[in-house]
Amino acid sequence: MSDDRTVAPTTPTGVLVMSYGTPRGPDEVLEYYTGIRRGRPPSAEQLADLVRRYAAIGGVSPLARRTAAQVAAVARALDATAPGSFLVRDGTKHARPTIEEALEELARSGVRHVVGLVLAPHYSALSVGEYVARARARAETLGMETAFVERWGADPALVEVLAERVRDAAASVAPEPTTTWELVVTAHSLPSRILDAGDPYESELRETADLVAARAGAGRYRTGWQSAGRTSESWLGPDICELLPALAREGVEAVVVCPAGFTSDHLEVLYDLDVAASEAAARAGVRFARTRSVDDEPRVAASLAAKVDALASATWPDDTGSHR
């Protein structure tokens, strides 16, 4: 019996799946918050506020667990199509293992080529760009070549999954055909100065919103922002909590929020939407629903794996194993 599966190379291609990171317990919150602030410890008030928000979602974010499941799902999808051809590791921006530590582990395994993938669909120089810069810099010192999947907000599998979840959420708050409801597709706000630099972040979120709304059959939709940093500079808006009362004044009876800029449950979803935005909707007299997170949805994981495989094949065509 013939076996048409491709033979894996002696040295697999590394895959670095990058994410933001989160404290794994209350005792790590101060160190984590200090790291986010680039080494500047938060004030007592700032720390207390963050601890309060974690307490409101159960004391700790599920992000580490959810990210591990996402990484495992991508690894399974790669192994299903190219057995043994890829070695997958995760690295985070603000927790352990760091991006640099993950690359060091891949280097110790003999990996020479690494494909980087950030678990965020939309590119900005201030988000995905920073992950890429850190990974590229450390990989160069380790003698490894890199290539990156930098954007996937228009990925068909992602669009299909989000559209399904929009329809499910809409059914819960707008079951009657006569109900006026609106879809708001959100992402993490960033400083407004990115627009002056021609950053594609806002336009990429709008593209995702266009595709998801069309697929879900949402007649009314717009983009919105959430989780802005607490700094003195201007951030992208409108913020979802400010948008909700404005929608109520427009006659909208129900709102479905699809946080397309996030791929798993964590503080910015479980608190900023499920608590803060939900409370803002109640005050405005608007019914509120939030779409379920993508998490380790197999269709999305398989699509991301295919992007990794295709990029590796195009970048290092002389390698064997995953390359068709």
C-alpha atoms as a PDB file:
ATOM      1  CA  MET A   1       0.000   0.000   0.000  1.00  0.00           C
ATOM      2  CA  SER A   2       1.452   3.354  -0.998  1.00  0.00           C
ATOM      3  CA  ASP A   3       1.671   6.205   1.476  1.00  0.00           C
ATOM      4  CA  ASP A   4       1.484   9.584  -0.238  1.00  0.00           C
ATOM      5  CA  ARG A   5       2.177  11.576   2.902  1.00  0.00           C
ATOM      6  CA  THR A   6       5.282  13.727   2.591  1.00  0.00           C
ATOM      7  CA  VAL A   7       8.351  12.600   4.507  1.00  0.00           C
ATOM      8  CA  ALA A   8       9.270  15.053   7.246  1.00  0.00           C
ATOM      9  CA  PRO A   9      12.630  16.826   7.110  1.00  0.00           C
ATOM     10  CA  THR A  10      15.373  15.961   9.568  1.00  0.00           C
ATOM     11  CA  THR A  11      15.039  19.411  11.119  1.00  0.00           C
ATOM     12  CA  PRO A  12      11.466  20.676  11.360  1.00  0.00           C
ATOM     13  CA  THR A  13      10.414  24.224  10.670  1.00  0.00           C
ATOM     14  CA  GLY A  14       9.733  26.115  13.887  1.00  0.00           C
ATOM     15  CA  VAL A  15       6.404  27.803  14.486  1.00  0.00           C
ATOM     16  CA  LEU A  16       6.275  30.583  17.060  1.00  0.00           C
ATOM     17  CA  VAL A  17       2.686  31.332  18.100  1.00  0.00           C
ATOM     18  CA  MET A  18       2.688  34.684  19.886  1.00  0.00           C
ATOM     19  CA  SER A  19       0.145  36.198  22.268  1.00  0.00           C
ATOM     20  CA  TYR A  20      -0.137  38.964  24.835  1.00  0.00           C
ATOM     21  CA  GLY A  21       0.223  36.925  28.015  1.00  0.00           C
ATOM     22  CA  THR A  22      -1.502  37.221  31.367  1.00  0.00           C
ATOM     23  CA  PRO A  23      -0.702  36.773  35.062  1.00  0.00           C
ATOM     24  CA  ARG A  24      -1.469  33.230  36.161  1.00  0.00           C
ATOM     25  CA  GLY A  25      -2.557  34.300  39.627  1.00  0.00           C
ATOM     26  CA  PRO A  26      -3.003  37.318  41.919  1.00  0.00           C
ATOM     27  CA  ASP A  27       0.618  37.155  43.072  1.00  0.00           C
ATOM     28  CA  GLU A  28       1.834  37.870  39.518  1.00  0.00           C
ATOM     29  CA  VAL A  29      -0.354  40.903  38.822  1.00  0.00           C
ATOM     30  CA  LEU A  30       2.147  43.540  40.020  1.00  0.00           C
ATOM     31  CA  GLU A  31       5.038  42.107  37.973  1.00  0.00           C
ATOM     32  CA  TYR A  32       2.766  41.757  34.940  1.00  0.00           C
ATOM     33  CA  TYR A  33       1.418  45.304  35.215  1.00  0.00           C
ATOM     34  CA  THR A  34       4.927  46.688  35.644  1.00  0.00           C
ATOM     35  CA  GLY A  35       6.016  44.855  32.506  1.00  0.00           C
ATOM     36  CA  ILE A  36       3.132  46.292  30.494  1.00  0.00           C
ATOM     37  CA  ARG A  37       4.206  49.750  31.678  1.00  0.00           C
ATOM     38  CA  ARG A  38       7.745  49.096  30.382  1.00  0.00           C
ATOM     39  CA  GLY A  39       9.264  48.722  33.835  1.00  0.00           C
ATOM     40  CA  ARG A  40       7.338  51.528  35.586  1.00  0.00           C
ATOM     41  CA  PRO A  41       5.412  50.152  38.579  1.00  0.00           C
ATOM     42  CA  PRO A  42       1.733  51.132  38.682  1.00  0.00           C
ATOM     43  CA  SER A  43       0.385  53.384  41.392  1.00  0.00           C
ATOM     44  CA  ALA A  44      -1.460  51.781  44.275  1.00  0.00           C
ATOM     45  CA  GLU A  45      -4.747  52.990  42.765  1.00  0.00           C
ATOM     46  CA  GLN A  46      -3.937  51.562  39.327  1.00  0.00           C
ATOM     47  CA  LEU A  47      -2.948  48.213  40.804  1.00  0.00           C
ATOM     48  CA  ALA A  48      -6.075  48.066  42.956  1.00  0.00           C
ATOM     49  CA  ASP A  49      -8.259  48.784  39.937  1.00  0.00           C
ATOM     50  CA  LEU A  50      -6.679  45.971  37.909  1.00  0.00           C
ATOM     51  CA  VAL A  51      -7.004  43.543  40.815  1.00  0.00           C
ATOM     52  CA  ARG A  52     -10.666  44.582  41.137  1.00  0.00           C
ATOM     53  CA  ARG A  53     -11.320  43.819  37.473  1.00  0.00           C
ATOM     54  CA  TYR A  54      -9.669  40.408  37.754  1.00  0.00           C
ATOM     55  CA  ALA A  55     -11.769  39.715  40.843  1.00  0.00           C
ATOM     56  CA  ALA A  56     -14.915  40.523  38.857  1.00  0.00           C
ATOM     57  CA  ILE A  57     -14.126  37.698  36.402  1.00  0.00           C
ATOM     58  CA  GLY A  58     -13.186  35.137  39.037  1.00  0.00           C
ATOM     59  CA  GLY A  59      -9.756  36.301  40.195  1.00  0.00           C
ATOM     60  CA  VAL A  60      -7.690  35.248  37.209  1.00  0.00           C
ATOM     61  CA  SER A  61      -7.975  35.470  33.442  1.00  0.00           C
ATOM     62  CA  PRO A  62      -8.452  32.251  31.464  1.00  0.00           C
ATOM     63  CA  LEU A  63      -6.178  33.622  28.733  1.00  0.00           C
ATOM     64  CA  ALA A  64      -3.196  31.362  29.487  1.00  0.00           C
ATOM     65  CA  ARG A  65      -5.368  28.247  29.332  1.00  0.00           C
ATOM     66  CA  ARG A  66      -7.223  29.402  26.240  1.00  0.00           C
ATOM     67  CA  THR A  67      -3.989  30.336  24.458  1.00  0.00           C
ATOM     68  CA  ALA A  68      -2.486  26.933  25.227  1.00  0.00           C
ATOM     69  CA  ALA A  69      -5.544  25.317  23.648  1.00  0.00           C
ATOM     70  CA  GLN A  70      -5.205  27.510  20.555  1.00  0.00           C
ATOM     71  CA  VAL A  71      -1.523  26.669  20.168  1.00  0.00           C
ATOM     72  CA  ALA A  72      -2.280  22.965  20.553  1.00  0.00           C
ATOM     73  CA  ALA A  73      -5.036  23.209  17.932  1.00  0.00           C
ATOM     74  CA  VAL A  74      -2.667  24.807  15.393  1.00  0.00           C
ATOM     75  CA  ALA A  75      -0.047  22.161  16.166  1.00  0.00           C
ATOM     76  CA  ARG A  76      -2.581  19.350  15.635  1.00  0.00           C
ATOM     77  CA  ALA A  77      -3.686  20.847  12.332  1.00  0.00           C
ATOM     78  CA  LEU A  78      -0.092  21.104  11.099  1.00  0.00           C
ATOM     79  CA  ASP A  79       0.697  17.572  12.170  1.00  0.00           C
ATOM     80  CA  ALA A  80      -2.408  16.290  10.414  1.00  0.00           C
ATOM     81  CA  THR A  81      -1.287  17.653   7.040  1.00  0.00           C
ATOM     82  CA  ALA A  82       2.514  17.507   7.424  1.00  0.00           C
ATOM     83  CA  PRO A  83       3.406  14.994  10.148  1.00  0.00           C
ATOM     84  CA  GLY A  84       6.626  15.859  11.960  1.00  0.00           C
ATOM     85  CA  SER A  85       7.418  18.821   9.714  1.00  0.00           C
ATOM     86  CA  PHE A  86       6.763  21.558  12.279  1.00  0.00           C
ATOM     87  CA  LEU A  87       7.793  22.193  15.863  1.00  0.00           C
ATOM     88  CA  VAL A  88       5.287  24.560  17.502  1.00  0.00           C
ATOM     89  CA  ARG A  89       6.030  26.701  20.533  1.00  0.00           C
ATOM     90  CA  ASP A  90       4.241  29.628  22.150  1.00  0.00           C
ATOM     91  CA  GLY A  91       5.790  32.864  23.352  1.00  0.00           C
ATOM     92  CA  THR A  92       4.153  35.861  25.003  1.00  0.00           C
ATOM     93  CA  LYS A  93       4.779  39.566  25.107  1.00  0.00           C
ATOM     94  CA  HIS A  94       4.221  40.085  28.829  1.00  0.00           C
ATOM     95  CA  ALA A  95       4.476  36.684  30.565  1.00  0.00           C
ATOM     96  CA  ARG A  96       6.425  33.424  30.521  1.00  0.00           C
ATOM     97  CA  PRO A  97       7.543  31.886  28.304  1.00  0.00           C
ATOM     98  CA  THR A  98       8.502  35.089  26.537  1.00  0.00           C
ATOM     99  CA  ILE A  99       8.886  35.382  22.783  1.00  0.00           C
ATOM    100  CA  GLU A 100      12.642  35.263  23.235  1.00  0.00           C
ATOM    101  CA  GLU A 101      12.539  32.192  25.492  1.00  0.00           C
ATOM    102  CA  ALA A 102      10.395  30.299  23.004  1.00  0.00           C
ATOM    103  CA  LEU A 103      12.855  31.067  20.201  1.00  0.00           C
ATOM    104  CA  GLU A 104      15.755  29.946  22.359  1.00  0.00           C
ATOM    105  CA  GLU A 105      14.011  26.624  22.952  1.00  0.00           C
ATOM    106  CA  LEU A 106      13.460  26.189  19.206  1.00  0.00           C
ATOM    107  CA  ALA A 107      17.126  26.979  18.577  1.00  0.00           C
ATOM    108  CA  ARG A 108      18.204  24.329  21.084  1.00  0.00           C
ATOM    109  CA  SER A 109      16.112  21.852  19.096  1.00  0.00           C
ATOM    110  CA  GLY A 110      18.124  22.621  15.989  1.00  0.00           C
ATOM    111  CA  VAL A 111      15.487  24.714  14.232  1.00  0.00           C
ATOM    112  CA  ARG A 112      16.871  27.038  11.552  1.00  0.00           C
ATOM    113  CA  HIS A 113      13.672  28.435  10.044  1.00  0.00           C
ATOM    114  CA  VAL A 114      10.770  29.894  12.031  1.00  0.00           C
ATOM    115  CA  VAL A 115       7.316  31.049  10.980  1.00  0.00           C
ATOM    116  CA  GLY A 116       5.804  33.527  13.420  1.00  0.00           C
ATOM    117  CA  LEU A 117       2.063  33.854  13.963  1.00  0.00           C
ATOM    118  CA  VAL A 118       0.348  36.335  16.308  1.00  0.00           C
ATOM    119  CA  LEU A 119      -3.045  35.372  17.718  1.00  0.00           C
ATOM    120  CA  ALA A 120      -4.446  38.737  16.634  1.00  0.00           C
ATOM    121  CA  PRO A 121      -6.051  39.071  13.201  1.00  0.00           C
ATOM    122  CA  HIS A 122      -5.351  42.729  12.382  1.00  0.00           C
ATOM    123  CA  TYR A 123      -1.982  44.350  11.772  1.00  0.00           C
ATOM    124  CA  SER A 124      -0.752  47.483  13.481  1.00  0.00           C
ATOM    125  CA  ALA A 125       2.799  48.634  13.961  1.00  0.00           C
ATOM    126  CA  LEU A 126       1.915  49.079  17.650  1.00  0.00           C
ATOM    127  CA  SER A 127       0.571  45.544  18.076  1.00  0.00           C
ATOM    128  CA  VAL A 128       1.532  42.788  15.645  1.00  0.00           C
ATOM    129  CA  GLY A 129       4.468  44.887  14.476  1.00  0.00           C
ATOM    130  CA  GLU A 130       6.001  44.877  17.958  1.00  0.00           C
ATOM    131  CA  TYR A 131       5.712  41.078  18.225  1.00  0.00           C
ATOM    132  CA  VAL A 132       7.372  40.675  14.840  1.00  0.00           C
ATOM    133  CA  ALA A 133      10.191  43.068  15.711  1.00  0.00           C
ATOM    134  CA  ARG A 134      10.974  41.265  18.965  1.00  0.00           C
ATOM    135  CA  ALA A 135      10.889  37.835  17.350  1.00  0.00           C
ATOM    136  CA  ARG A 136      12.996  38.870  14.375  1.00  0.00           C
ATOM    137  CA  ALA A 137      15.630  40.536  16.560  1.00  0.00           C
ATOM    138  CA  ARG A 138      16.111  37.508  18.817  1.00  0.00           C
ATOM    139  CA  ALA A 139      16.002  35.034  15.940  1.00  0.00           C
ATOM    140  CA  GLU A 140      18.778  36.900  14.144  1.00  0.00           C
ATOM    141  CA  THR A 141      21.052  36.635  17.166  1.00  0.00           C
ATOM    142  CA  LEU A 142      20.324  32.895  17.252  1.00  0.00           C
ATOM    143  CA  GLY A 143      21.147  32.453  13.562  1.00  0.00           C
ATOM    144  CA  MET A 144      17.563  31.596  12.559  1.00  0.00           C
ATOM    145  CA  GLU A 145      15.641  32.872   9.543  1.00  0.00           C
ATOM    146  CA  THR A 146      12.072  34.095  10.049  1.00  0.00           C
ATOM    147  CA  ALA A 147       8.876  34.743   8.134  1.00  0.00           C
ATOM    148  CA  PHE A 148       5.615  36.028   9.585  1.00  0.00           C
ATOM    149  CA  VAL A 149       1.880  35.692   9.074  1.00  0.00           C
ATOM    150  CA  GLU A 150       1.108  39.335   9.844  1.00  0.00           C
ATOM    151  CA  ARG A 151      -2.627  39.647   9.141  1.00  0.00           C
ATOM    152  CA  TRP A 152      -5.587  37.299   8.837  1.00  0.00           C
ATOM    153  CA  GLY A 153      -8.651  39.430   9.509  1.00  0.00           C
ATOM    154  CA  ALA A 154     -10.192  38.472   6.159  1.00  0.00           C
ATOM    155  CA  ASP A 155      -9.543  34.758   6.564  1.00  0.00           C
ATOM    156  CA  PRO A 156     -12.606  32.871   5.251  1.00  0.00           C
ATOM    157  CA  ALA A 157     -12.709  30.452   8.188  1.00  0.00           C
ATOM    158  CA  LEU A 158     -12.538  33.298  10.693  1.00  0.00           C
ATOM    159  CA  VAL A 159     -15.281  35.205   8.858  1.00  0.00           C
ATOM    160  CA  GLU A 160     -17.525  32.139   8.734  1.00  0.00           C
ATOM    161  CA  VAL A 161     -17.088  31.344  12.429  1.00  0.00           C
ATOM    162  CA  LEU A 162     -17.688  34.948  13.500  1.00  0.00           C
ATOM    163  CA  ALA A 163     -20.765  35.193  11.272  1.00  0.00           C
ATOM    164  CA  GLU A 164     -22.221  32.028  12.808  1.00  0.00           C
ATOM    165  CA  ARG A 165     -21.714  33.451  16.259  1.00  0.00           C
ATOM    166  CA  VAL A 166     -23.228  36.785  15.280  1.00  0.00           C
ATOM    167  CA  ARG A 167     -26.366  34.972  14.115  1.00  0.00           C
ATOM    168  CA  ASP A 168     -26.509  32.990  17.370  1.00  0.00           C
ATOM    169  CA  ALA A 169     -26.111  36.125  19.492  1.00  0.00           C
ATOM    170  CA  ALA A 170     -28.678  38.040  17.450  1.00  0.00           C
ATOM    171  CA  ALA A 171     -31.216  35.271  17.940  1.00  0.00           C
ATOM    172  CA  SER A 172     -30.871  35.680  21.711  1.00  0.00           C
ATOM    173  CA  VAL A 173     -31.582  39.440  21.805  1.00  0.00           C
ATOM    174  CA  ALA A 174     -33.559  40.037  18.615  1.00  0.00           C
ATOM    175  CA  PRO A 175     -35.736  36.953  18.094  1.00  0.00           C
ATOM    176  CA  GLU A 176     -38.496  38.888  16.378  1.00  0.00           C
ATOM    177  CA  PRO A 177     -37.985  40.032  12.765  1.00  0.00           C
ATOM    178  CA  THR A 178     -39.304  43.469  13.686  1.00  0.00           C
ATOM    179  CA  THR A 179     -36.604  44.071  16.335  1.00  0.00           C
ATOM    180  CA  THR A 180     -34.149  46.795  15.365  1.00  0.00           C
ATOM    181  CA  TRP A 181     -30.695  45.476  16.169  1.00  0.00           C
ATOM    182  CA  GLU A 182     -27.193  46.518  15.251  1.00  0.00           C
ATOM    183  CA  LEU A 183     -23.898  44.656  15.018  1.00  0.00           C
ATOM    184  CA  VAL A 184     -20.819  46.394  16.443  1.00  0.00           C
ATOM    185  CA  VAL A 185     -17.495  44.797  15.505  1.00  0.00           C
ATOM    186  CA  THR A 186     -14.788  45.808  17.964  1.00  0.00           C
ATOM    187  CA  ALA A 187     -11.060  45.597  18.524  1.00  0.00           C
ATOM    188  CA  HIS A 188      -8.656  46.893  21.138  1.00  0.00           C
ATOM    189  CA  SER A 189      -8.282  50.640  20.775  1.00  0.00           C
ATOM    190  CA  LEU A 190      -4.862  52.066  19.976  1.00  0.00           C
ATOM    191  CA  PRO A 191      -3.519  55.622  20.108  1.00  0.00           C
ATOM    192  CA  SER A 192      -5.055  57.766  17.352  1.00  0.00           C
ATOM    193  CA  ARG A 193      -1.598  58.763  16.131  1.00  0.00           C
ATOM    194  CA  ILE A 194      -1.425  55.498  14.198  1.00  0.00           C
ATOM    195  CA  LEU A 195      -3.811  57.027  11.650  1.00  0.00           C
ATOM    196  CA  ASP A 196      -1.345  59.828  10.856  1.00  0.00           C
ATOM    197  CA  ALA A 197       1.274  57.176  10.148  1.00  0.00           C
ATOM    198  CA  GLY A 198      -0.978  55.376   7.655  1.00  0.00           C
ATOM    199  CA  ASP A 199      -1.335  52.334   9.892  1.00  0.00           C
ATOM    200  CA  PRO A 200      -3.768  49.742   8.396  1.00  0.00           C
ATOM    201  CA  TYR A 201      -5.310  48.664  11.707  1.00  0.00           C
ATOM    202  CA  GLU A 202      -8.566  50.606  11.412  1.00  0.00           C
ATOM    203  CA  SER A 203      -9.145  49.668   7.768  1.00  0.00           C
ATOM    204  CA  GLU A 204      -8.431  45.999   8.455  1.00  0.00           C
ATOM    205  CA  LEU A 205     -11.035  45.924  11.231  1.00  0.00           C
ATOM    206  CA  ARG A 206     -13.513  47.601   8.886  1.00  0.00           C
ATOM    207  CA  GLU A 207     -12.825  44.925   6.250  1.00  0.00           C
ATOM    208  CA  THR A 208     -13.545  42.195   8.790  1.00  0.00           C
ATOM    209  CA  ALA A 209     -16.763  43.943   9.790  1.00  0.00           C
ATOM    210  CA  ASP A 210     -17.881  44.225   6.159  1.00  0.00           C
ATOM    211  CA  LEU A 211     -17.252  40.529   5.521  1.00  0.00           C
ATOM    212  CA  VAL A 212     -18.819  39.271   8.760  1.00  0.00           C
ATOM    213  CA  ALA A 213     -21.891  41.490   8.450  1.00  0.00           C
ATOM    214  CA  ALA A 214     -22.512  40.349   4.874  1.00  0.00           C
ATOM    215  CA  ARG A 215     -22.095  36.701   5.816  1.00  0.00           C
ATOM    216  CA  ALA A 216     -24.291  37.033   8.923  1.00  0.00           C
ATOM    217  CA  GLY A 217     -27.000  39.010   7.172  1.00  0.00           C
ATOM    218  CA  ALA A 218     -26.660  41.976   9.530  1.00  0.00           C
ATOM    219  CA  GLY A 219     -28.506  44.913   8.007  1.00  0.00           C
ATOM    220  CA  ARG A 220     -27.063  47.479  10.412  1.00  0.00           C
ATOM    221  CA  TYR A 221     -23.455  47.346  11.531  1.00  0.00           C
ATOM    222  CA  ARG A 222     -20.463  49.478  12.368  1.00  0.00           C
ATOM    223  CA  THR A 223     -17.031  49.219  13.975  1.00  0.00           C
ATOM    224  CA  GLY A 224     -16.264  50.328  17.498  1.00  0.00           C
ATOM    225  CA  TRP A 225     -13.385  50.254  19.941  1.00  0.00           C
ATOM    226  CA  GLN A 226     -12.778  49.095  23.471  1.00  0.00           C
ATOM    227  CA  SER A 227     -10.224  48.725  26.249  1.00  0.00           C
ATOM    228  CA  ALA A 228      -8.364  51.976  25.532  1.00  0.00           C
ATOM    229  CA  GLY A 229      -5.282  52.613  27.596  1.00  0.00           C
ATOM    230  CA  ARG A 230      -5.489  55.037  30.483  1.00  0.00           C
ATOM    231  CA  THR A 231      -3.138  57.664  29.126  1.00  0.00           C
ATOM    232  CA  SER A 232      -3.429  61.340  28.284  1.00  0.00           C
ATOM    233  CA  GLU A 233      -3.228  60.891  24.509  1.00  0.00           C
ATOM    234  CA  SER A 234      -6.175  60.393  22.180  1.00  0.00           C
ATOM    235  CA  TRP A 235      -7.252  56.807  21.407  1.00  0.00           C
ATOM    236  CA  LEU A 236      -9.361  55.384  18.578  1.00  0.00           C
ATOM    237  CA  GLY A 237     -13.098  55.709  19.183  1.00  0.00           C
ATOM    238  CA  PRO A 238     -15.963  55.598  19.712  1.00  0.00           C
ATOM    239  CA  ASP A 239     -15.590  53.396  22.754  1.00  0.00           C
ATOM    240  CA  ILE A 240     -18.284  50.720  22.958  1.00  0.00           C
ATOM    241  CA  CYS A 241     -19.555  52.013  26.317  1.00  0.00           C
ATOM    242  CA  GLU A 242     -20.032  55.486  24.818  1.00  0.00           C
ATOM    243  CA  LEU A 243     -21.540  54.102  21.620  1.00  0.00           C
ATOM    244  CA  LEU A 244     -24.316  52.120  23.316  1.00  0.00           C
ATOM    245  CA  PRO A 245     -26.370  55.111  24.575  1.00  0.00           C
ATOM    246  CA  ALA A 246     -25.924  56.793  21.183  1.00  0.00           C
ATOM    247  CA  LEU A 247     -27.382  53.720  19.482  1.00  0.00           C
ATOM    248  CA  ALA A 248     -30.311  53.745  21.899  1.00  0.00           C
ATOM    249  CA  ARG A 249     -31.035  57.341  20.912  1.00  0.00           C
ATOM    250  CA  GLU A 250     -31.082  56.197  17.274  1.00  0.00           C
ATOM    251  CA  GLY A 251     -33.853  53.733  18.075  1.00  0.00           C
ATOM    252  CA  VAL A 252     -31.725  50.591  18.231  1.00  0.00           C
ATOM    253  CA  GLU A 253     -33.372  48.044  20.531  1.00  0.00           C
ATOM    254  CA  ALA A 254     -30.621  45.419  20.715  1.00  0.00           C
ATOM    255  CA  VAL A 255     -26.867  45.348  20.119  1.00  0.00           C
ATOM    256  CA  VAL A 256     -24.641  42.401  19.240  1.00  0.00           C
ATOM    257  CA  VAL A 257     -20.965  43.028  19.944  1.00  0.00           C
ATOM    258  CA  CYS A 258     -18.459  40.918  18.028  1.00  0.00           C
ATOM    259  CA  PRO A 259     -14.953  41.469  19.460  1.00  0.00           C
ATOM    260  CA  ALA A 260     -13.236  40.413  16.228  1.00  0.00           C
ATOM    261  CA  GLY A 261      -9.909  41.858  17.303  1.00  0.00           C
ATOM    262  CA  PHE A 262      -9.655  39.280  20.078  1.00  0.00           C
ATOM    263  CA  THR A 263      -9.521  35.522  19.585  1.00  0.00           C
ATOM    264  CA  SER A 264     -10.111  34.186  23.091  1.00  0.00           C
ATOM    265  CA  ASP A 265     -11.745  35.008  26.413  1.00  0.00           C
ATOM    266  CA  HIS A 266      -9.682  37.235  28.687  1.00  0.00           C
ATOM    267  CA  LEU A 267      -9.996  40.411  30.742  1.00  0.00           C
ATOM    268  CA  GLU A 268     -10.813  42.724  27.817  1.00  0.00           C
ATOM    269  CA  VAL A 269     -13.688  40.439  26.821  1.00  0.00           C
ATOM    270  CA  LEU A 270     -14.928  39.075  30.135  1.00  0.00           C
ATOM    271  CA  TYR A 271     -14.779  42.404  31.977  1.00  0.00           C
ATOM    272  CA  ASP A 272     -14.736  45.213  29.416  1.00  0.00           C
ATOM    273  CA  LEU A 273     -17.633  43.685  27.476  1.00  0.00           C
ATOM    274  CA  ASP A 274     -19.452  41.199  29.700  1.00  0.00           C
ATOM    275  CA  VAL A 275     -19.403  43.515  32.712  1.00  0.00           C
ATOM    276  CA  ALA A 276     -18.746  47.141  31.738  1.00  0.00           C
ATOM    277  CA  ALA A 277     -20.408  47.218  28.314  1.00  0.00           C
ATOM    278  CA  SER A 278     -23.286  45.038  29.469  1.00  0.00           C
ATOM    279  CA  GLU A 279     -23.955  47.453  32.335  1.00  0.00           C
ATOM    280  CA  ALA A 280     -23.759  50.426  29.948  1.00  0.00           C
ATOM    281  CA  ALA A 281     -26.307  48.745  27.676  1.00  0.00           C
ATOM    282  CA  ALA A 282     -28.665  48.152  30.598  1.00  0.00           C
ATOM    283  CA  ARG A 283     -28.452  51.822  31.598  1.00  0.00           C
ATOM    284  CA  ALA A 284     -29.198  52.813  28.000  1.00  0.00           C
ATOM    285  CA  GLY A 285     -32.155  50.444  27.802  1.00  0.00           C
ATOM    286  CA  VAL A 286     -30.629  48.351  25.010  1.00  0.00           C
ATOM    287  CA  ARG A 287     -30.559  44.549  24.963  1.00  0.00           C
ATOM    288  CA  PHE A 288     -26.967  43.328  24.776  1.00  0.00           C
ATOM    289  CA  ALA A 289     -25.254  40.173  23.538  1.00  0.00           C
ATOM    290  CA  ARG A 290     -21.614  39.351  22.908  1.00  0.00           C
ATOM    291  CA  THR A 291     -20.494  36.728  20.399  1.00  0.00           C
ATOM    292  CA  ARG A 292     -18.665  33.678  21.686  1.00  0.00           C
ATOM    293  CA  SER A 293     -14.894  33.865  21.294  1.00  0.00           C
ATOM    294  CA  VAL A 294     -13.106  31.934  18.564  1.00  0.00           C
ATOM    295  CA  ASP A 295     -10.828  30.147  21.061  1.00  0.00           C
ATOM    296  CA  ASP A 296      -9.540  26.834  19.645  1.00  0.00           C
ATOM    297  CA  GLU A 297     -12.217  26.466  16.940  1.00  0.00           C
ATOM    298  CA  PRO A 298     -10.833  23.706  14.643  1.00  0.00           C
ATOM    299  CA  ARG A 299     -11.754  25.463  11.385  1.00  0.00           C
ATOM    300  CA  VAL A 300      -9.811  28.580  12.312  1.00  0.00           C
ATOM    301  CA  ALA A 301      -6.870  26.561  13.639  1.00  0.00           C
ATOM    302  CA  ALA A 302      -6.734  24.563  10.394  1.00  0.00           C
ATOM    303  CA  SER A 303      -6.804  27.735   8.309  1.00  0.00           C
ATOM    304  CA  LEU A 304      -3.997  29.291  10.346  1.00  0.00           C
ATOM    305  CA  ALA A 305      -1.987  26.098  10.003  1.00  0.00           C
ATOM    306  CA  ALA A 306      -2.452  26.228   6.233  1.00  0.00           C
ATOM    307  CA  LYS A 307      -1.152  29.802   6.178  1.00  0.00           C
ATOM    308  CA  VAL A 308       1.911  28.764   8.170  1.00  0.00           C
ATOM    309  CA  ASP A 309       2.579  25.815   5.869  1.00  0.00           C
ATOM    310  CA  ALA A 310       2.149  27.902   2.716  1.00  0.00           C
ATOM    311  CA  LEU A 311       4.445  30.644   3.992  1.00  0.00           C
ATOM    312  CA  ALA A 312       7.128  28.132   4.963  1.00  0.00           C
ATOM    313  CA  SER A 313       6.905  26.514   1.541  1.00  0.00           C
ATOM    314  CA  ALA A 314       7.183  29.851  -0.262  1.00  0.00           C
ATOM    315  CA  THR A 315      10.012  31.182   1.909  1.00  0.00           C
ATOM    316  CA  TRP A 316      12.211  28.107   2.108  1.00  0.00           C
ATOM    317  CA  PRO A 317      11.340  26.091  -1.023  1.00  0.00           C
ATOM    318  CA  ASP A 318      14.486  23.972  -0.799  1.00  0.00           C
ATOM    319  CA  ASP A 319      13.314  22.410   2.470  1.00  0.00           C
ATOM    320  CA  THR A 320      11.494  19.115   2.328  1.00  0.00           C
ATOM    321  CA  GLY A 321       8.662  17.758   4.414  1.00  0.00           C
ATOM    322  CA  SER A 322       5.791  20.208   4.426  1.00  0.00           C
ATOM    323  CA  HIS A 323       6.520  21.536   0.953  1.00  0.00           C
ATOM    324  CA  ARG A 324       4.320  20.181  -1.782  1.00  0.00           C
END
